């Protein structure tokens, strides 16, 4: 079992739940949820600690890349969750991928014969996992007496599944992201919670408060906390998703230049051709997205030019009269009015621009 490139709450919970369901049903083949990040990076995922606590787990219970032994590809089988293409040093296992459940754009790498092969848009990958395992879930949970220990364990699993769905869809209020399977998954899961004191809104508020608190993180940690990287066509793209807007980041840095310097240091550390920051925030209760794209190398700057020519669909408006822009360096910051476009939609646009180099 494998999670997404640079793990997030959706990736982790989807892998844990799916591994549990596949392992506890015939033929009871052991599925191991693997967190695709180094052990040290788990400490940045404070929201994961909060959610795992509800399931009686801690970060120490997770298997990460740091514990992954040197495996022979032919001795492994991989089921991808929350992504559909192995990258980097793990690309050598691509021929061993036997299944996939993902809500990102199909990269046509996973075999059409893979089982399962579920790749479709959805607010949360977990919603697809719940849909895929619904019958299994019913068989397991329907065996639980109302006051049994099994019912308590079922509630833990249910909370684990609910967390990424309500987090990714802003508790089902992000109309541009929510799909029918998200709604059905939440309804199904809530109906299986035995604890009468459980309140979904309270649970969402708890997760959000922890997730959005980045006050104690360095800028390097902020940029790598939710970071994904692609290296197609000989060029490297990196996108950092941040849960506070540019106003917050500039204020935290004290000015625009320290923020830019920190971002430049990160881009150099990762040896990026194009570096990007995507933010989500809720000033005065209004959901907003900001986007910054920077062509770090000569080829990267050419790619940014192409991205801007094809970027109308994102409805980009210059942020704060260009305070973070540098036209010569091809660095631009925008307020993104197309709120439906998350990293799942923006990354393919940037990657396509890189491919044309």
Protein backbone atom coordinates (compact mmCIF):
# COMPACT_ATOMS: atom_id res chain seq x y z
CA UNK A 1 0.00 0.00 0.00
CA UNK A 2 1.35 3.41 -0.86
CA UNK A 3 0.26 6.99 -0.26
CA UNK A 4 0.64 10.17 -2.30
CA UNK A 5 3.71 12.11 -3.30
CA UNK A 6 4.41 14.20 -0.16
CA UNK A 7 1.71 12.92 2.16
CA UNK A 8 -1.24 14.94 3.51
CA UNK A 9 -4.16 14.12 5.77
CA UNK A 10 -6.22 12.69 2.90
CA UNK A 11 -3.36 10.46 1.74
CA UNK A 12 -2.55 9.13 5.18
CA UNK A 13 -6.10 8.42 6.30
CA UNK A 14 -7.06 6.91 2.94
CA UNK A 15 -4.13 4.52 3.08
CA UNK A 16 -4.79 3.53 6.69
CA UNK A 17 -8.49 2.88 6.15
CA UNK A 18 -8.06 1.09 2.83
CA UNK A 19 -5.25 -1.10 4.19
CA UNK A 20 -7.44 -2.04 7.15
CA UNK A 21 -10.40 -2.93 4.96
CA UNK A 22 -8.36 -4.98 2.48
CA UNK A 23 -6.50 -6.81 5.24
CA UNK A 24 -9.60 -7.71 7.25
CA UNK A 25 -11.56 -9.25 4.38
CA UNK A 26 -10.90 -12.48 2.43
CA UNK A 27 -8.31 -13.55 1.41
CA UNK A 28 -6.92 -11.46 4.32
CA UNK A 29 -3.76 -10.44 2.47
CA UNK A 30 -1.69 -8.11 4.62
CA UNK A 31 -1.70 -4.56 3.23
CA UNK A 32 0.83 -2.16 4.75
CA UNK A 33 0.05 1.60 4.66
CA UNK A 34 3.26 3.42 3.82
CA UNK A 35 3.64 7.15 4.45
CA UNK A 36 5.61 8.63 1.55
CA UNK A 37 7.86 10.98 3.49
CA UNK A 38 10.83 10.77 5.85
CA UNK A 39 10.17 10.12 9.53
CA UNK A 40 11.35 13.61 10.54
CA UNK A 41 8.75 15.29 8.29
CA UNK A 42 5.85 13.72 10.17
CA UNK A 43 6.35 16.21 12.99
CA UNK A 44 5.14 18.96 10.63
CA UNK A 45 1.77 17.25 10.26
CA UNK A 46 0.16 18.47 13.45
CA UNK A 47 -3.35 17.86 12.11
CA UNK A 48 -2.44 14.21 11.61
CA UNK A 49 -1.53 13.84 15.26
CA UNK A 50 -4.89 15.32 16.25
CA UNK A 51 -6.84 12.97 13.99
CA UNK A 52 -4.80 9.88 14.84
CA UNK A 53 -5.49 10.52 18.52
CA UNK A 54 -9.19 9.94 17.86
CA UNK A 55 -8.27 6.55 16.39
CA UNK A 56 -6.07 5.58 19.32
CA UNK A 57 -2.92 5.98 17.20
CA UNK A 58 0.17 8.18 17.22
CA UNK A 59 2.70 9.17 14.57
CA UNK A 60 5.02 6.50 15.96
CA UNK A 61 2.58 3.85 14.72
CA UNK A 62 3.11 4.85 11.08
CA UNK A 63 5.58 3.34 8.62
CA UNK A 64 7.54 5.93 6.61
CA UNK A 65 10.16 5.95 3.87
CA UNK A 66 12.80 6.06 6.60
CA UNK A 67 11.84 2.52 7.62
CA UNK A 68 11.41 1.16 4.08
CA UNK A 69 14.03 -1.55 3.42
CA UNK A 70 15.82 -2.05 0.12
CA UNK A 71 13.18 -4.08 -1.70
CA UNK A 72 13.40 -5.96 -4.99
CA UNK A 73 10.60 -4.65 -7.21
CA UNK A 74 9.54 -8.13 -8.30
CA UNK A 75 8.92 -9.10 -4.68
CA UNK A 76 6.43 -6.28 -4.08
CA UNK A 77 2.92 -5.24 -5.04
CA UNK A 78 1.80 -1.61 -4.81
CA UNK A 79 -1.67 -0.15 -4.51
CA UNK A 80 -1.60 3.62 -5.00
CA UNK A 81 -3.87 5.86 -2.94
CA UNK A 82 -4.33 9.60 -3.61
CA UNK A 83 -1.98 9.58 -6.60
CA UNK A 84 -1.64 7.51 -9.76
CA UNK A 85 2.03 7.63 -10.69
CA UNK A 86 5.19 6.66 -8.81
CA UNK A 87 7.95 9.25 -9.14
CA UNK A 88 11.60 9.73 -8.21
CA UNK A 89 13.48 6.76 -6.73
CA UNK A 90 10.22 4.84 -6.34
CA UNK A 91 9.58 4.85 -10.08
CA UNK A 92 11.39 1.50 -10.25
CA UNK A 93 8.30 -0.09 -8.65
CA UNK A 94 5.91 1.19 -11.34
CA UNK A 95 5.54 -2.21 -13.01
CA UNK A 96 4.41 -3.66 -9.70
CA UNK A 97 1.38 -1.37 -9.30
CA UNK A 98 -1.69 -3.58 -9.10
CA UNK A 99 -4.36 -1.05 -8.16
CA UNK A 100 -5.16 2.62 -7.63
CA UNK A 101 -7.77 4.81 -5.93
CA UNK A 102 -7.19 8.50 -6.68
CA UNK A 103 -8.99 11.80 -7.31
CA UNK A 104 -6.27 13.56 -9.33
CA UNK A 105 -5.95 13.86 -13.11
CA UNK A 106 -5.23 10.49 -14.70
CA UNK A 107 -1.61 10.38 -15.89
CA UNK A 108 -2.31 7.14 -17.80
CA UNK A 109 0.51 5.32 -16.05
CA UNK A 110 -1.53 2.79 -14.07
CA UNK A 111 -2.47 -0.19 -16.23
CA UNK A 112 -6.04 -0.32 -17.49
CA UNK A 113 -6.12 -3.86 -16.09
CA UNK A 114 -5.34 -2.72 -12.54
CA UNK A 115 -7.90 -3.73 -9.94
CA UNK A 116 -9.17 -1.52 -8.50
CA UNK A 117 -8.58 1.32 -10.94
CA UNK A 118 -10.63 4.21 -9.57
CA UNK A 119 -9.40 7.58 -10.84
CA UNK A 120 -12.03 10.31 -10.85
CA UNK A 121 -12.59 13.85 -9.53
CA UNK A 122 -13.78 14.07 -5.95
CA UNK A 123 -13.37 16.45 -3.04
CA UNK A 124 -11.46 13.85 -1.07
CA UNK A 125 -9.76 10.61 -2.04
CA UNK A 126 -11.22 9.13 1.12
CA UNK A 127 -14.71 9.47 -0.36
CA UNK A 128 -13.62 7.16 -3.18
CA UNK A 129 -12.12 4.73 -0.67
CA UNK A 130 -15.38 4.66 1.30
CA UNK A 131 -17.36 4.10 -1.90
CA UNK A 132 -15.00 1.31 -2.95
CA UNK A 133 -15.18 -0.45 0.45
CA UNK A 134 -18.77 0.31 1.41
CA UNK A 135 -19.96 -3.30 1.36
CA UNK A 136 -16.95 -4.40 3.40
CA UNK A 137 -17.64 -1.63 5.90
CA UNK A 138 -21.27 -2.67 6.26
CA UNK A 139 -20.29 -6.29 6.88
CA UNK A 140 -17.82 -5.29 9.58
CA UNK A 141 -19.86 -2.62 11.36
CA UNK A 142 -23.18 -4.50 11.25
CA UNK A 143 -21.63 -7.24 13.37
CA UNK A 144 -20.95 -4.80 16.22
CA UNK A 145 -23.34 -4.79 19.18
CA UNK A 146 -24.25 -1.29 20.29
CA UNK A 147 -22.28 -1.50 23.54
CA UNK A 148 -19.36 -3.68 22.46
CA UNK A 149 -15.65 -2.91 22.26
CA UNK A 150 -15.97 -3.57 18.54
CA UNK A 151 -18.40 -0.65 18.27
CA UNK A 152 -15.82 1.62 19.89
CA UNK A 153 -13.17 0.45 17.43
CA UNK A 154 -15.61 1.05 14.57
CA UNK A 155 -16.10 4.63 15.77
CA UNK A 156 -12.33 5.17 15.75
CA UNK A 157 -12.10 3.98 12.16
CA UNK A 158 -15.08 6.11 11.17
CA UNK A 159 -13.57 9.26 12.66
CA UNK A 160 -10.36 8.50 10.79
CA UNK A 161 -12.32 8.33 7.53
CA UNK A 162 -14.42 11.42 8.16
CA UNK A 163 -11.49 13.71 8.96
CA UNK A 164 -10.00 14.23 5.47
CA UNK A 165 -13.39 14.51 3.77
CA UNK A 166 -14.67 17.31 5.97
CA UNK A 167 -11.24 18.96 6.04
CA UNK A 168 -10.78 18.97 2.25
CA UNK A 169 -14.34 20.10 1.51
CA UNK A 170 -14.54 22.71 4.32
CA UNK A 171 -17.14 20.56 6.04
CA UNK A 172 -18.99 20.04 2.74
CA UNK A 173 -19.43 23.80 2.19
CA UNK A 174 -16.88 24.18 -0.65
CA UNK A 175 -19.41 23.79 -3.44
CA UNK A 176 -16.71 23.99 -6.11
CA UNK A 177 -15.03 20.86 -4.69
CA UNK A 178 -17.82 18.71 -3.29
CA UNK A 179 -18.99 15.76 -5.39
CA UNK A 180 -21.88 13.38 -4.89
CA UNK A 181 -19.57 10.71 -3.50
CA UNK A 182 -18.34 13.14 -0.83
CA UNK A 183 -21.90 13.74 0.33
CA UNK A 184 -22.74 10.04 0.29
CA UNK A 185 -19.55 9.12 2.14
CA UNK A 186 -20.19 11.58 4.96
CA UNK A 187 -23.81 10.48 5.28
CA UNK A 188 -22.75 6.84 5.33
CA UNK A 189 -19.99 7.37 7.90
CA UNK A 190 -22.06 9.55 10.24
CA UNK A 191 -24.72 6.87 10.22
CA UNK A 192 -22.20 4.36 11.55
CA UNK A 193 -20.98 6.31 14.57
CA UNK A 194 -22.28 4.81 17.81
CA UNK A 195 -21.11 7.67 20.02
CA UNK A 196 -24.17 9.90 20.38
CA UNK A 197 -22.05 12.83 21.59
CA UNK A 198 -20.13 13.04 18.29
CA UNK A 199 -20.63 16.35 16.47
CA UNK A 200 -19.25 16.74 12.97
CA UNK A 201 -19.01 20.54 13.17
CA UNK A 202 -17.03 20.38 16.39
CA UNK A 203 -14.72 17.77 14.87
CA UNK A 204 -14.15 19.96 11.81
CA UNK A 205 -13.38 23.00 13.95
CA UNK A 206 -10.85 21.01 15.95
CA UNK A 207 -9.01 19.78 12.84
CA UNK A 208 -9.06 23.21 11.20
CA UNK A 209 -7.66 24.99 14.25
CA UNK A 210 -4.68 22.65 14.40
CA UNK A 211 -4.16 22.57 10.62
CA UNK A 212 -4.16 26.35 10.19
CA UNK A 213 -1.78 27.12 13.05
CA UNK A 214 1.65 27.55 11.44
CA UNK A 215 2.80 30.30 13.77
CA UNK A 216 5.61 28.22 15.28
CA UNK A 217 6.98 26.93 11.97
CA UNK A 218 10.00 28.33 10.14
CA UNK A 219 9.46 29.38 6.53
CA UNK A 220 11.36 26.31 5.35
CA UNK A 221 9.00 24.10 7.33
CA UNK A 222 5.96 26.02 6.07
CA UNK A 223 7.09 25.49 2.47
CA UNK A 224 7.82 21.79 2.90
CA UNK A 225 4.82 20.95 5.11
CA UNK A 226 2.51 20.30 2.16
CA UNK A 227 4.89 20.10 -0.77
CA UNK A 228 4.74 18.14 -4.01
CA UNK A 229 7.35 17.86 -6.72
CA UNK A 230 7.44 16.70 -10.34
CA UNK A 231 10.45 16.17 -12.59
CA UNK A 232 9.15 15.57 -16.10
CA UNK A 233 10.80 16.65 -19.37
CA UNK A 234 14.11 17.27 -17.62
CA UNK A 235 12.65 20.18 -15.64
CA UNK A 236 11.61 20.18 -12.00
CA UNK A 237 8.45 21.78 -10.60
CA UNK A 238 7.67 22.19 -6.91
CA UNK A 239 4.42 23.44 -5.38
CA UNK A 240 4.02 24.32 -1.71
CA UNK A 241 0.46 24.57 -0.39
CA UNK A 242 0.07 26.88 2.61
CA UNK A 243 -2.98 27.29 4.86
CA UNK A 244 -2.54 31.06 5.28
CA UNK A 245 -2.56 33.79 2.63
CA UNK A 246 0.24 36.05 1.36
CA UNK A 247 -0.81 38.81 3.77
CA UNK A 248 -0.14 36.47 6.68
CA UNK A 249 3.18 35.27 5.24
CA UNK A 250 4.46 38.79 4.55
CA UNK A 251 3.42 39.87 8.04
CA UNK A 252 5.18 36.86 9.56
CA UNK A 253 8.34 37.65 7.57
CA UNK A 254 8.18 41.35 8.44
CA UNK A 255 8.34 42.43 4.79
CA UNK A 256 8.16 41.03 1.27
CA UNK A 257 11.92 40.58 0.81
CA UNK A 258 12.51 38.14 3.71
CA UNK A 259 9.62 36.05 2.39
CA UNK A 260 11.07 36.03 -1.14
CA UNK A 261 14.53 35.19 0.23
CA UNK A 262 13.14 32.21 2.16
CA UNK A 263 11.27 31.01 -0.92
CA UNK A 264 14.38 31.39 -3.07
CA UNK A 265 16.43 29.37 -0.57
CA UNK A 266 13.83 26.60 -0.71
CA UNK A 267 13.77 26.60 -4.53
CA UNK A 268 17.57 26.31 -4.61
CA UNK A 269 17.55 23.53 -2.02
CA UNK A 270 15.11 21.53 -4.15
CA UNK A 271 16.91 22.52 -7.40
CA UNK A 272 13.66 23.69 -8.98
CA UNK A 273 13.14 25.19 -12.42
CA UNK A 274 9.69 26.47 -11.47
CA UNK A 275 8.63 27.06 -7.86
CA UNK A 276 5.11 27.84 -6.74
CA UNK A 277 3.15 28.67 -3.60
CA UNK A 278 -0.59 28.07 -3.43
CA UNK A 279 -2.55 29.34 -0.43
CA UNK A 280 -6.00 28.85 1.00
CA UNK A 281 -7.49 31.16 3.60
CA UNK A 282 -10.81 32.38 4.99
CA UNK A 283 -10.56 36.12 5.78
CA UNK A 284 -13.85 37.26 7.30
CA UNK A 285 -15.30 33.86 6.48
CA UNK A 286 -14.65 34.21 2.73
CA UNK A 287 -12.74 31.35 1.07
CA UNK A 288 -9.80 32.68 -0.98
CA UNK A 289 -6.88 31.33 -2.98
CA UNK A 290 -3.57 33.03 -3.73
CA UNK A 291 -0.99 31.77 -6.22
CA UNK A 292 2.68 32.62 -6.74
CA UNK A 293 4.72 31.21 -9.63
CA UNK A 294 8.46 31.80 -10.09
CA UNK A 295 10.63 30.80 -13.04
CA UNK A 296 13.89 30.06 -11.24
CA UNK A 297 15.99 29.00 -14.25
CA UNK A 298 16.06 30.21 -17.86
CA UNK A 299 13.95 27.27 -19.02
CA UNK A 300 11.71 27.77 -16.01
CA UNK A 301 11.10 31.39 -16.97
CA UNK A 302 10.10 30.29 -20.47
CA UNK A 303 7.66 27.82 -18.93
CA UNK A 304 6.15 30.57 -16.75
CA UNK A 305 5.56 32.66 -19.88
CA UNK A 306 3.65 29.77 -21.43
CA UNK A 307 1.69 29.17 -18.24
CA UNK A 308 0.60 32.81 -18.13
CA UNK A 309 -0.60 32.69 -21.73
CA UNK A 310 -2.77 29.69 -20.89
CA UNK A 311 -3.77 30.81 -17.39
CA UNK A 312 -7.06 32.53 -18.18
CA UNK A 313 -9.04 29.62 -16.77
CA UNK A 314 -7.67 30.39 -13.28
CA UNK A 315 -9.04 33.97 -13.37
CA UNK A 316 -5.84 35.49 -11.98
CA UNK A 317 -5.70 39.02 -10.59
CA UNK A 318 -2.42 40.67 -9.56
CA UNK A 319 -1.95 40.54 -5.79
CA UNK A 320 -1.44 43.88 -4.00
CA UNK A 321 -0.36 45.78 -7.15
CA UNK A 322 2.55 43.42 -7.74
CA UNK A 323 4.29 43.67 -4.36
CA UNK A 324 5.69 40.14 -4.75
CA UNK A 325 6.28 40.35 -8.52
CA UNK A 326 9.53 40.61 -10.44
CA UNK A 327 8.88 40.62 -14.18
CA UNK A 328 12.51 40.09 -15.15
CA UNK A 329 12.74 37.04 -12.90
CA UNK A 330 9.30 35.86 -14.03
CA UNK A 331 7.91 35.89 -10.51
CA UNK A 332 4.23 36.70 -10.20
CA UNK A 333 1.70 36.59 -7.36
CA UNK A 334 -2.03 36.58 -7.96
CA UNK A 335 -5.36 36.38 -6.24
CA UNK A 336 -6.91 33.32 -7.86
CA UNK A 337 -10.60 33.89 -8.49
CA UNK A 338 -11.23 30.39 -9.84
CA UNK A 339 -11.73 28.84 -6.43
CA UNK A 340 -12.44 25.36 -7.78
CA UNK A 341 -8.84 25.04 -9.00
CA UNK A 342 -6.72 23.48 -6.26
CA UNK A 343 -3.25 22.01 -6.75
CA UNK A 344 -4.91 19.07 -8.51
CA UNK A 345 -5.92 21.45 -11.32
CA UNK A 346 -3.04 23.97 -11.25
CA UNK A 347 -0.21 21.43 -11.22
CA UNK A 348 -1.19 19.89 -14.59
CA UNK A 349 -1.24 23.37 -16.16
CA UNK A 350 2.26 24.11 -14.90
CA UNK A 351 3.53 20.67 -15.86
CA UNK A 352 2.17 21.08 -19.36
CA UNK A 353 4.02 24.40 -19.64
CA UNK A 354 7.24 22.66 -18.62
CA UNK A 355 6.74 19.88 -21.17
CA UNK A 356 6.80 22.40 -24.01
CA UNK A 357 10.32 23.55 -23.10
